[in-house]
């Protein structure tokens, strides 16, 4: 869903054929896991608005539960890094992380669609 959305600039997920480490992940993994990151068009403001509109995904710094979680690395997991170092590492103000849990996939896609809809 995210790869085809006009407000999503890029999806980082090794299960996608165009991911730079897809071949390696295919050799090493049985499935690709439920963690992904994506860059949203509109920078920090769009990222915060997206997070504020989620209803099924829960905003959390820990990404280890069975429920679907969303994180904003720039102000959560990587907030101690200087901004320039974060950007050099590919962690921009437009980057969001998702940990997909056990909820119904249709509910998760609907939540993403609602959160990505223009305000």
Protein backbone atom coordinates (compact mmCIF):
# COMPACT_ATOMS: atom_id res chain seq x y z
CA UNK A 1 0.00 0.00 0.00
CA UNK A 2 2.68 2.51 0.98
CA UNK A 3 4.84 2.05 -2.12
CA UNK A 4 2.00 3.25 -4.34
CA UNK A 5 0.87 6.18 -2.21
CA UNK A 6 1.54 9.68 -3.62
CA UNK A 7 2.43 11.09 -0.16
CA UNK A 8 5.10 8.42 0.43
CA UNK A 9 8.46 9.23 -1.10
CA UNK A 10 10.24 5.96 -0.29
CA UNK A 11 9.64 2.72 1.61
CA UNK A 12 12.52 0.93 3.35
CA UNK A 13 11.68 -2.77 3.57
CA UNK A 14 13.91 -5.69 2.53
CA UNK A 15 10.90 -7.61 1.20
CA UNK A 16 10.56 -5.15 -1.68
CA UNK A 17 12.36 -6.22 -4.86
CA UNK A 18 13.88 -2.74 -5.31
CA UNK A 19 15.39 -2.64 -1.80
CA UNK A 20 19.21 -2.57 -2.06
CA UNK A 21 19.52 -5.60 0.25
CA UNK A 22 16.57 -7.61 -1.06
CA UNK A 23 18.72 -10.44 -2.45
CA UNK A 24 20.64 -10.75 0.82
CA UNK A 25 17.43 -10.73 2.86
CA UNK A 26 15.95 -13.38 0.57
CA UNK A 27 18.92 -15.65 1.20
CA UNK A 28 19.05 -15.08 4.95
CA UNK A 29 15.41 -14.75 5.97
CA UNK A 30 12.33 -16.91 5.93
CA UNK A 31 9.93 -14.04 5.29
CA UNK A 32 10.92 -10.41 5.74
CA UNK A 33 9.48 -9.43 9.10
CA UNK A 34 7.04 -6.79 10.19
CA UNK A 35 9.37 -3.79 10.54
CA UNK A 36 9.55 -1.09 7.91
CA UNK A 37 10.29 2.58 7.55
CA UNK A 38 9.06 5.15 5.07
CA UNK A 39 9.66 8.75 4.14
CA UNK A 40 6.61 10.96 3.96
CA UNK A 41 6.29 13.96 1.66
CA UNK A 42 6.13 17.23 3.60
CA UNK A 43 8.85 16.78 6.19
CA UNK A 44 8.48 16.98 9.96
CA UNK A 45 5.08 18.64 9.90
CA UNK A 46 3.61 15.94 7.70
CA UNK A 47 5.21 13.22 9.83
CA UNK A 48 3.74 14.62 13.04
CA UNK A 49 0.32 15.09 11.43
CA UNK A 50 0.41 11.48 10.18
CA UNK A 51 1.21 10.19 13.66
CA UNK A 52 -1.56 12.29 15.19
CA UNK A 53 -4.19 10.80 12.87
CA UNK A 54 -3.36 7.13 13.51
CA UNK A 55 -6.02 5.18 15.39
CA UNK A 56 -4.94 1.53 15.15
CA UNK A 57 -1.16 1.99 15.20
CA UNK A 58 0.04 3.22 18.61
CA UNK A 59 2.83 5.78 18.92
CA UNK A 60 5.62 4.12 20.90
CA UNK A 61 9.38 4.19 21.10
CA UNK A 62 9.58 0.45 21.73
CA UNK A 63 8.80 -1.59 18.65
CA UNK A 64 8.64 -5.01 20.28
CA UNK A 65 5.00 -5.76 21.07
CA UNK A 66 2.36 -7.80 19.26
CA UNK A 67 0.32 -4.67 18.54
CA UNK A 68 1.08 -2.41 15.60
CA UNK A 69 3.29 0.48 16.62
CA UNK A 70 4.55 3.64 14.94
CA UNK A 71 7.68 5.56 15.78
CA UNK A 72 9.27 8.85 14.82
CA UNK A 73 13.03 8.26 15.04
CA UNK A 74 14.01 11.96 14.83
CA UNK A 75 12.38 12.70 18.19
CA UNK A 76 12.21 9.24 19.73
CA UNK A 77 14.78 6.47 19.22
CA UNK A 78 17.45 8.70 17.67
CA UNK A 79 16.74 12.01 19.40
CA UNK A 80 20.13 12.03 21.16
CA UNK A 81 21.98 12.12 17.82
CA UNK A 82 22.84 15.55 16.44
CA UNK A 83 20.55 16.43 13.51
CA UNK A 84 23.37 16.41 10.94
CA UNK A 85 24.53 12.97 12.10
CA UNK A 86 20.94 11.66 11.91
CA UNK A 87 20.58 12.99 8.36
CA UNK A 88 23.92 11.43 7.37
CA UNK A 89 22.63 8.12 8.67
CA UNK A 90 19.46 8.47 6.57
CA UNK A 91 17.22 9.41 9.49
CA UNK A 92 15.52 12.56 8.28
CA UNK A 93 12.65 14.48 9.81
CA UNK A 94 10.37 12.79 7.27
CA UNK A 95 11.20 9.21 8.35
CA UNK A 96 8.58 7.09 10.14
CA UNK A 97 8.93 3.52 11.41
CA UNK A 98 6.19 0.94 11.66
CA UNK A 99 6.11 -2.36 13.48
CA UNK A 100 3.19 -4.33 12.05
CA UNK A 101 1.40 -6.41 14.65
CA UNK A 102 -1.38 -8.95 14.71
CA UNK A 103 -4.33 -6.71 13.84
CA UNK A 104 -6.38 -7.33 10.73
CA UNK A 105 -4.39 -6.14 7.68
CA UNK A 106 -7.45 -4.33 6.29
CA UNK A 107 -7.73 -2.33 9.53
CA UNK A 108 -4.05 -1.40 9.33
CA UNK A 109 -4.29 -0.27 5.69
CA UNK A 110 -7.40 1.75 6.52
CA UNK A 111 -5.52 3.40 9.39
CA UNK A 112 -2.60 4.27 7.10
CA UNK A 113 -5.00 5.62 4.47
CA UNK A 114 -6.76 7.82 7.03
CA UNK A 115 -3.46 9.10 8.42
CA UNK A 116 -2.07 9.86 4.94
CA UNK A 117 -5.20 11.60 3.69
CA UNK A 118 -4.84 15.33 3.08
CA UNK A 119 -5.91 17.36 6.12
